Protein backbone atom coordinates (compact mmCIF):
# COMPACT_ATOMS: atom_id res chain seq x y z
CA MET A 1 20.45 0.41 14.41
CA ASN A 2 22.94 3.23 14.23
CA LYS A 3 23.26 4.76 10.73
CA LEU A 4 27.08 4.70 10.90
CA ILE A 5 26.89 0.90 11.55
CA LYS A 6 24.42 0.45 8.80
CA ASP A 7 26.53 2.33 6.22
CA PHE A 8 29.56 0.31 7.28
CA LEU A 9 27.76 -3.08 6.70
CA PHE A 10 26.51 -2.00 3.37
CA LEU A 11 29.89 -0.67 2.32
CA ILE A 12 31.59 -3.96 3.35
CA GLY A 13 29.03 -6.07 1.99
CA SER A 14 29.20 -4.25 -1.32
CA VAL A 15 32.86 -5.01 -1.62
CA PHE A 16 32.56 -8.80 -1.11
CA LYS A 17 29.17 -9.62 -2.63
CA LYS A 18 29.56 -11.39 -5.99
CA LYS A 19 26.93 -10.12 -8.40
CA SER A 20 25.01 -12.40 -10.75
CA GLN A 21 23.85 -11.60 -14.26
CA MET A 22 20.22 -11.74 -15.41
CA PRO A 23 19.57 -15.11 -16.95
CA THR A 24 18.83 -15.11 -20.60
CA GLU A 25 15.80 -17.49 -20.23
CA ILE A 26 13.36 -16.40 -17.65
CA GLY A 27 10.58 -18.93 -16.78
CA ARG A 28 9.66 -17.87 -13.23
CA ILE A 29 9.55 -14.54 -11.33
CA LEU A 30 8.77 -13.98 -7.64
CA CYS A 31 7.61 -10.43 -6.67
CA ILE A 32 7.90 -9.57 -3.09
CA LEU A 33 5.24 -7.02 -2.17
CA PRO A 34 5.27 -4.77 0.87
CA HIS A 35 3.39 -5.39 4.01
CA TYR A 36 0.65 -2.78 4.22
CA LEU A 37 -2.43 -2.03 2.19
CA GLY A 38 -1.57 1.23 0.74
CA ASP A 39 2.00 0.09 -0.08
CA THR A 40 0.76 -3.03 -1.83
CA LEU A 41 -1.57 -0.74 -3.91
CA TRP A 42 1.21 1.27 -4.95
CA MET A 43 3.43 -1.66 -6.20
CA LEU A 44 0.82 -3.13 -8.61
CA ASN A 45 2.05 -1.11 -11.66
CA ALA A 46 5.53 -2.75 -11.07
CA VAL A 47 3.92 -6.28 -11.33
CA LYS A 48 2.13 -5.14 -14.49
CA LEU A 49 5.49 -3.98 -16.14
CA LEU A 50 7.10 -7.34 -15.40
CA GLN A 51 4.08 -9.09 -16.91
CA LYS A 52 4.27 -6.86 -19.96
CA TYR A 53 8.08 -7.38 -20.72
CA PHE A 54 8.27 -10.96 -19.48
CA PRO A 55 5.19 -12.30 -20.90
CA GLN A 56 6.64 -15.85 -21.19
CA ALA A 57 7.42 -16.11 -17.45
CA GLU A 58 5.04 -17.36 -14.67
CA ILE A 59 4.99 -14.58 -12.18
CA ASP A 60 3.97 -15.21 -8.38
CA VAL A 61 3.77 -12.62 -5.70
CA VAL A 62 4.38 -13.02 -2.06
CA LEU A 63 3.03 -10.76 0.74
CA ARG A 64 2.43 -10.77 4.38
CA ARG A 65 -1.41 -10.50 4.39
CA ASP A 66 -4.00 -11.70 2.07
CA PHE A 67 -4.57 -8.62 -0.10
CA SER A 68 -5.64 -10.55 -3.07
CA ALA A 69 -8.57 -8.26 -3.63
CA LEU A 70 -6.22 -5.69 -4.84
CA LEU A 71 -4.69 -8.06 -7.26
CA THR A 72 -8.05 -9.00 -8.87
CA GLY A 73 -7.57 -9.10 -12.65
CA ILE A 74 -3.71 -8.71 -12.35
CA VAL A 75 -2.63 -11.93 -10.68
CA ASP A 76 -4.64 -15.12 -10.38
CA LYS A 77 -5.23 -16.46 -6.83
CA GLU A 78 -3.04 -19.51 -7.27
CA HIS A 79 -0.05 -17.23 -7.78
CA ILE A 80 -0.66 -15.18 -4.60
CA LEU A 81 1.41 -16.43 -1.73
CA VAL A 82 0.92 -15.31 1.83
CA GLU A 83 3.84 -15.42 4.32
CA PRO A 84 3.09 -13.89 7.72
CA SER A 85 6.85 -14.03 8.75
CA LEU A 86 7.46 -11.08 6.40
CA VAL A 87 7.68 -7.86 8.15
CA SER A 88 8.62 -4.28 7.68
CA ASP A 89 11.38 -2.40 9.31
CA ARG A 90 9.04 -0.41 11.48
CA LYS A 91 10.03 -0.48 15.23
CA ARG A 92 6.84 -1.74 16.48
CA GLU A 93 7.05 -4.99 14.33
CA LYS A 94 8.15 -8.18 16.12
CA VAL A 95 10.86 -9.63 13.99
CA SER A 96 11.94 -13.17 13.73
CA LEU A 97 14.88 -13.87 11.31
CA ALA A 98 14.65 -17.52 11.82
CA ALA A 99 10.99 -17.28 10.65
CA ILE A 100 11.89 -15.38 7.65
CA TYR A 101 14.72 -17.83 6.96
CA HIS A 102 12.47 -20.81 7.09
CA ALA A 103 9.86 -19.29 5.01
CA ALA A 104 12.38 -18.41 2.34
CA LYS A 105 13.42 -22.18 2.33
CA LYS A 106 10.09 -23.06 0.70
CA TYR A 107 11.09 -20.89 -2.43
CA ARG A 108 14.62 -21.82 -2.65
CA LYS A 109 16.09 -22.20 -6.13
CA LYS A 110 12.51 -22.13 -7.54
CA TYR A 111 12.74 -18.87 -9.37
CA ASP A 112 14.91 -17.29 -11.99
CA ILE A 113 14.42 -13.99 -10.87
CA ILE A 114 13.25 -12.28 -7.47
CA ALA A 115 12.02 -8.65 -7.76
CA ASP A 116 11.93 -7.30 -4.15
CA LEU A 117 9.42 -4.39 -4.16
CA GLY A 118 9.34 -4.30 -0.52
CA GLY A 119 12.56 -2.45 -0.23
CA ASN A 120 13.37 -3.03 3.45
CA ARG A 121 16.07 -4.95 5.37
CA TYR A 122 13.95 -8.03 5.95
CA SER A 123 12.55 -8.36 2.29
CA ALA A 124 16.25 -8.10 1.18
CA LEU A 125 17.21 -10.95 3.32
CA PHE A 126 14.25 -13.05 2.35
CA ALA A 127 15.02 -12.47 -1.25
CA HIS A 128 18.61 -13.45 -0.77
CA TRP A 129 17.83 -16.68 1.08
CA CYS A 130 15.39 -17.66 -1.55
CA LYS A 131 18.58 -18.31 -3.80
CA ALA A 132 17.24 -17.33 -7.03
CA GLU A 133 19.43 -16.81 -10.04
CA PHE A 134 19.15 -13.13 -10.01
CA VAL A 135 17.69 -10.68 -7.36
CA SER A 136 16.71 -7.02 -8.00
CA GLY A 137 15.54 -4.39 -5.51
CA PHE A 138 15.74 -0.81 -4.16
CA ASN A 139 16.80 0.41 -0.81
CA GLY A 140 17.26 -2.82 1.34
CA ASP A 141 18.80 -0.78 4.18
CA GLU A 142 22.18 -2.19 5.23
CA PHE A 143 21.34 -5.43 3.26
CA GLY A 144 20.78 -3.71 -0.05
CA PHE A 145 24.19 -4.99 -1.12
CA LEU A 146 22.62 -8.50 -1.39
CA TYR A 147 20.78 -7.42 -4.55
CA ASP A 148 22.36 -8.27 -7.91
CA VAL A 149 21.18 -4.91 -9.02
CA ARG A 150 19.94 -2.08 -6.87
CA THR A 151 18.27 1.07 -8.01
CA PRO A 152 20.53 4.02 -7.01
CA ASP A 153 19.05 5.98 -4.22
CA ASN A 154 19.10 9.25 -5.97
CA LEU A 155 16.62 8.01 -8.64
CA HIS A 156 13.76 7.58 -6.03
CA GLU A 157 14.68 9.71 -2.88
CA ASN A 158 12.27 12.40 -3.70
CA LYS A 159 9.75 10.74 -5.99
CA TYR A 160 6.22 9.98 -5.19
CA LEU A 161 6.18 6.68 -3.14
CA GLY A 162 3.39 5.31 -5.33
CA LEU A 163 5.78 5.11 -8.27
CA ARG A 164 8.91 4.10 -6.47
CA ALA A 165 8.65 0.25 -7.17
CA SER A 166 7.86 0.86 -10.88
CA LEU A 167 10.83 3.09 -11.35
CA SER A 168 12.99 0.49 -9.80
CA VAL A 169 11.66 -2.24 -12.10
CA ILE A 170 12.30 0.21 -15.06
CA TYR A 171 15.92 0.89 -14.03
CA ASN A 172 16.77 -2.64 -12.83
CA PHE A 173 15.35 -4.42 -15.88
CA ASP A 174 16.57 -1.83 -18.41
CA LEU A 175 12.98 -1.15 -19.50
CA PRO A 176 12.08 1.95 -21.74
CA GLN A 177 12.25 5.23 -19.69
CA ASP A 178 9.07 6.48 -21.15
CA GLU A 179 7.15 3.76 -19.16
CA TYR A 180 7.59 5.94 -16.06
CA GLU A 181 5.51 8.72 -17.50
CA LYS A 182 2.61 6.22 -18.35
CA ILE A 183 2.25 5.11 -14.79
CA ILE A 184 -0.72 5.95 -12.68
CA VAL A 185 -2.10 4.36 -9.50
CA GLU A 186 -5.06 2.55 -11.01
CA GLN A 187 -8.36 1.70 -9.00
CA PRO A 188 -8.85 -1.92 -7.95
CA ILE A 189 -11.23 -4.06 -9.90
CA THR A 190 -14.27 -4.59 -7.91
CA GLU A 191 -16.00 -8.18 -8.04
CA ASN A 192 -19.51 -6.89 -8.19
CA SER A 193 -21.47 -3.73 -9.22
CA ALA A 194 -21.95 -0.66 -7.06
CA GLU A 195 -25.64 -1.63 -6.88
CA PHE A 196 -24.79 -4.98 -5.57
CA TYR A 197 -22.79 -3.53 -2.53
CA ARG A 198 -25.58 -0.90 -1.90
CA GLN A 199 -28.15 -3.59 -1.54
CA LYS A 200 -25.92 -5.94 0.51
CA TYR A 201 -25.05 -3.30 2.89
CA ASN A 202 -28.15 -1.31 2.97
CA LEU A 203 -26.60 1.91 1.55
CA PRO A 204 -28.17 4.92 0.06
CA GLN A 205 -28.03 5.90 -3.61
CA SER A 206 -26.21 9.21 -2.77
CA GLU A 207 -24.83 11.23 0.01
CA LEU A 208 -22.89 8.29 1.71
CA VAL A 209 -19.91 9.35 3.74
CA LEU A 210 -17.16 6.82 4.77
CA LEU A 211 -15.05 7.83 7.79
CA ALA A 212 -11.68 6.08 8.47
CA PRO A 213 -10.07 7.23 11.69
CA CYS A 214 -7.50 4.39 11.89
CA ALA A 215 -4.04 4.41 10.41
CA GLY A 216 -0.86 2.14 10.44
CA TRP A 217 0.95 4.66 12.54
CA LYS A 218 -0.70 6.33 15.56
CA GLU A 219 1.19 9.53 14.78
CA LYS A 220 -0.79 9.82 11.39
CA GLU A 221 -4.29 9.85 13.18
CA TRP A 222 -6.36 12.97 13.37
CA GLY A 223 -8.15 11.72 16.44
CA ASP A 224 -11.04 9.58 17.26
CA ASP A 225 -12.96 12.53 19.07
CA LYS A 226 -12.54 14.69 16.04
CA PHE A 227 -13.97 11.92 13.66
CA ARG A 228 -17.00 11.44 16.02
CA ALA A 229 -17.66 15.24 16.02
CA LEU A 230 -17.25 15.23 12.21
CA ALA A 231 -19.70 12.32 11.83
CA GLU A 232 -22.24 14.26 13.94
CA LEU A 233 -21.96 17.23 11.69
CA PHE A 234 -22.53 14.99 8.63
CA ILE A 235 -25.43 13.35 10.23
CA ASN A 236 -27.16 16.79 11.20
CA ASP A 237 -26.51 17.75 7.49
CA GLY A 238 -28.56 14.74 6.17
CA PHE A 239 -25.68 12.47 5.16
CA THR A 240 -25.61 8.69 5.75
CA VAL A 241 -22.31 8.04 7.68
CA ARG A 242 -20.47 4.81 7.93
CA PHE A 243 -17.17 4.18 9.92
CA VAL A 244 -14.75 1.73 8.11
CA GLY A 245 -11.72 -0.21 9.29
CA SER A 246 -10.43 -3.80 9.72
CA PRO A 247 -12.20 -6.19 12.02
CA ASP A 248 -9.63 -5.73 14.77
CA GLU A 249 -10.49 -1.94 14.79
CA TYR A 250 -14.25 -2.57 15.26
CA GLY A 251 -14.11 -1.98 19.00
CA ARG A 252 -12.41 1.25 18.61
CA LEU A 253 -14.64 2.33 15.83
CA ALA A 254 -17.74 1.67 18.23
CA GLU A 255 -16.33 4.13 20.70
CA CYS A 256 -16.14 6.94 18.20
CA CYS A 257 -19.40 6.15 16.33
CA PRO A 258 -22.19 8.56 17.40
CA SER A 259 -25.96 7.78 17.36
CA GLY A 260 -27.02 7.93 13.85
CA ALA A 261 -23.84 6.47 12.23
CA GLU A 262 -23.02 2.82 11.76
CA ILE A 263 -19.82 0.76 11.49
CA LEU A 264 -19.51 -0.84 8.04
CA LYS A 265 -18.71 -4.51 8.84
CA ALA A 266 -17.53 -5.79 5.32
CA GLU A 267 -17.10 -9.50 5.03
CA ASN A 268 -13.71 -9.04 3.31
CA LEU A 269 -11.48 -6.53 1.70
CA ALA A 270 -13.16 -7.09 -1.61
CA ASP A 271 -16.53 -5.94 -0.14
CA THR A 272 -14.78 -2.90 1.55
CA ILE A 273 -13.39 -1.83 -1.82
CA GLY A 274 -16.60 -2.35 -3.39
CA VAL A 275 -18.56 -0.16 -0.81
CA ILE A 276 -15.90 2.55 -1.38
CA SER A 277 -16.66 2.35 -5.04
CA CYS A 278 -20.19 3.71 -4.47
CA THR A 279 -19.16 6.18 -1.74
CA ASP A 280 -19.65 9.93 -2.29
CA ILE A 281 -17.30 11.24 0.40
CA PHE A 282 -14.37 9.56 2.06
CA VAL A 283 -12.43 11.15 4.98
CA GLY A 284 -9.32 9.45 6.47
CA ASN A 285 -5.85 9.89 7.49
CA ASP A 286 -2.89 9.04 5.39
CA SER A 287 -3.68 5.35 5.11
CA GLY A 288 -4.24 2.36 2.75
CA LEU A 289 -7.95 2.70 2.65
CA THR A 290 -7.65 6.57 1.84
CA ASN A 291 -5.32 5.81 -0.99
CA ILE A 292 -7.78 3.17 -2.52
CA ALA A 293 -10.58 5.58 -2.22
CA ALA A 294 -8.57 8.23 -4.08
CA THR A 295 -8.41 5.91 -7.17
CA PHE A 296 -12.17 6.07 -7.40
CA SER A 297 -13.06 9.29 -9.44
CA THR A 298 -16.67 9.32 -8.18
CA CYS A 299 -15.54 9.63 -4.60
CA LYS A 300 -14.37 12.87 -3.12
CA VAL A 301 -11.54 12.18 -0.90
CA PHE A 302 -10.26 14.20 2.02
CA ASP A 303 -6.88 13.13 3.18
CA ILE A 304 -5.53 14.31 6.57
CA PHE A 305 -1.75 14.70 6.81
CA ARG A 306 -0.13 15.12 10.22
CA VAL A 307 3.41 13.67 9.90
CA THR A 308 4.08 12.29 6.50
CA SER A 309 5.21 14.07 3.48
CA VAL A 310 2.34 15.40 1.29
CA GLU A 311 4.65 15.62 -1.65
CA ARG A 312 5.72 11.98 -1.39
CA CYS A 313 2.67 10.30 0.05
CA ALA A 314 -0.44 12.09 -0.97
CA PRO A 315 -2.54 10.59 -3.84
CA LYS A 316 -2.13 12.57 -7.14
CA THR A 317 -5.79 12.45 -8.29
CA GLU A 318 -8.11 15.33 -9.00
CA ASN A 319 -10.89 13.96 -6.64
CA THR A 320 -8.45 14.25 -3.52
CA VAL A 321 -8.16 17.24 -1.30
CA VAL A 322 -5.28 17.25 1.17
CA ALA A 323 -6.05 18.65 4.66
CA GLU A 324 -2.62 19.58 6.31
CA ASP A 325 -2.50 19.23 10.03
CA PHE A 326 1.14 19.22 10.83
CA ASN A 327 0.65 21.58 13.91
CA HIS A 328 -2.15 19.50 15.20
CA VAL A 329 -4.73 22.34 15.27
CA PHE A 330 -6.95 21.49 12.39
CA ALA A 331 -10.43 22.07 13.91
CA VAL A 332 -13.36 19.77 13.02
CA GLU A 333 -15.64 22.61 11.86
CA LYS A 334 -12.83 23.91 9.58
CA LEU A 335 -12.44 20.58 7.96
CA PHE A 336 -16.30 20.34 7.57
CA SER A 337 -16.53 23.67 6.10
CA GLU A 338 -13.69 22.73 3.53
CA ILE A 339 -15.49 19.56 2.69
CA LYS A 340 -18.80 21.51 2.00
CA GLU A 341 -16.90 23.91 -0.32
CA ASN A 342 -15.28 21.11 -2.32
CA ILE A 343 -18.28 18.75 -2.93
């Protein structure tokens, strides 16, 4: 949609939308989480802030895919709701406004507050159609005017994306400003010990390398042929190499998996996170799995950036090394040499 049209819709809507006030008694809150793995990881601190400052409230979260493994120890499973109709505003997504509307009907007038942590046009519409007493959010594209309170764009435009939702909650709910300085992207809680996952998936005690060649955007990817060549260098140097991805990526992983390497076919996301927890080296594009790996201090992470902003998207952990390939000329041997220098 043309930016001029979007700005016009937002302006007109802002004039006519009647804003509600936050209720004085808050019994139920619904958090709308984003639709991708890394984005969901980034939003968990915002959920924790709502739990901290509204301890009396029952808090549910709704998301597109079952990423409940990320929410272990934060939200009980009975409060995790999955709605496949929720989509992002990325152009490749097939959008059905009717499906979003009908999904929202299930939650209509059941919540005192809805906190939209997705921040796109479709999550804004979903939040509006749920008909809560009060709706907060950020961005929302041309439908951001539907929020009763919306975080000003200039507060988060140039901030690390991992903290954007938390900043929105702090502003929209008038929480203490020093909460922002305390926020870090914490590692997910694993369901079992590292030794459990080593035995279950026949992994070594050390020198385990996970390679994740897939990403949500094709433009982010370094290239399957390069990951294959990198795997061969690791194998020749005595490392154990596993390729990691979602089940629908296994066919592709098989094509870039050389002799001596294997595909890690974890039973579920919880097991994938568990294996990452006992990994020594993780190499991936700017993706959800790479961001999860960065939260484990025992894992050295090499994060390849080709199109997205390093400042806004790269993990801020000491165990992460960013490899910039914006000119698409980063050689396999150069990355391998950089890895060897940093482990």
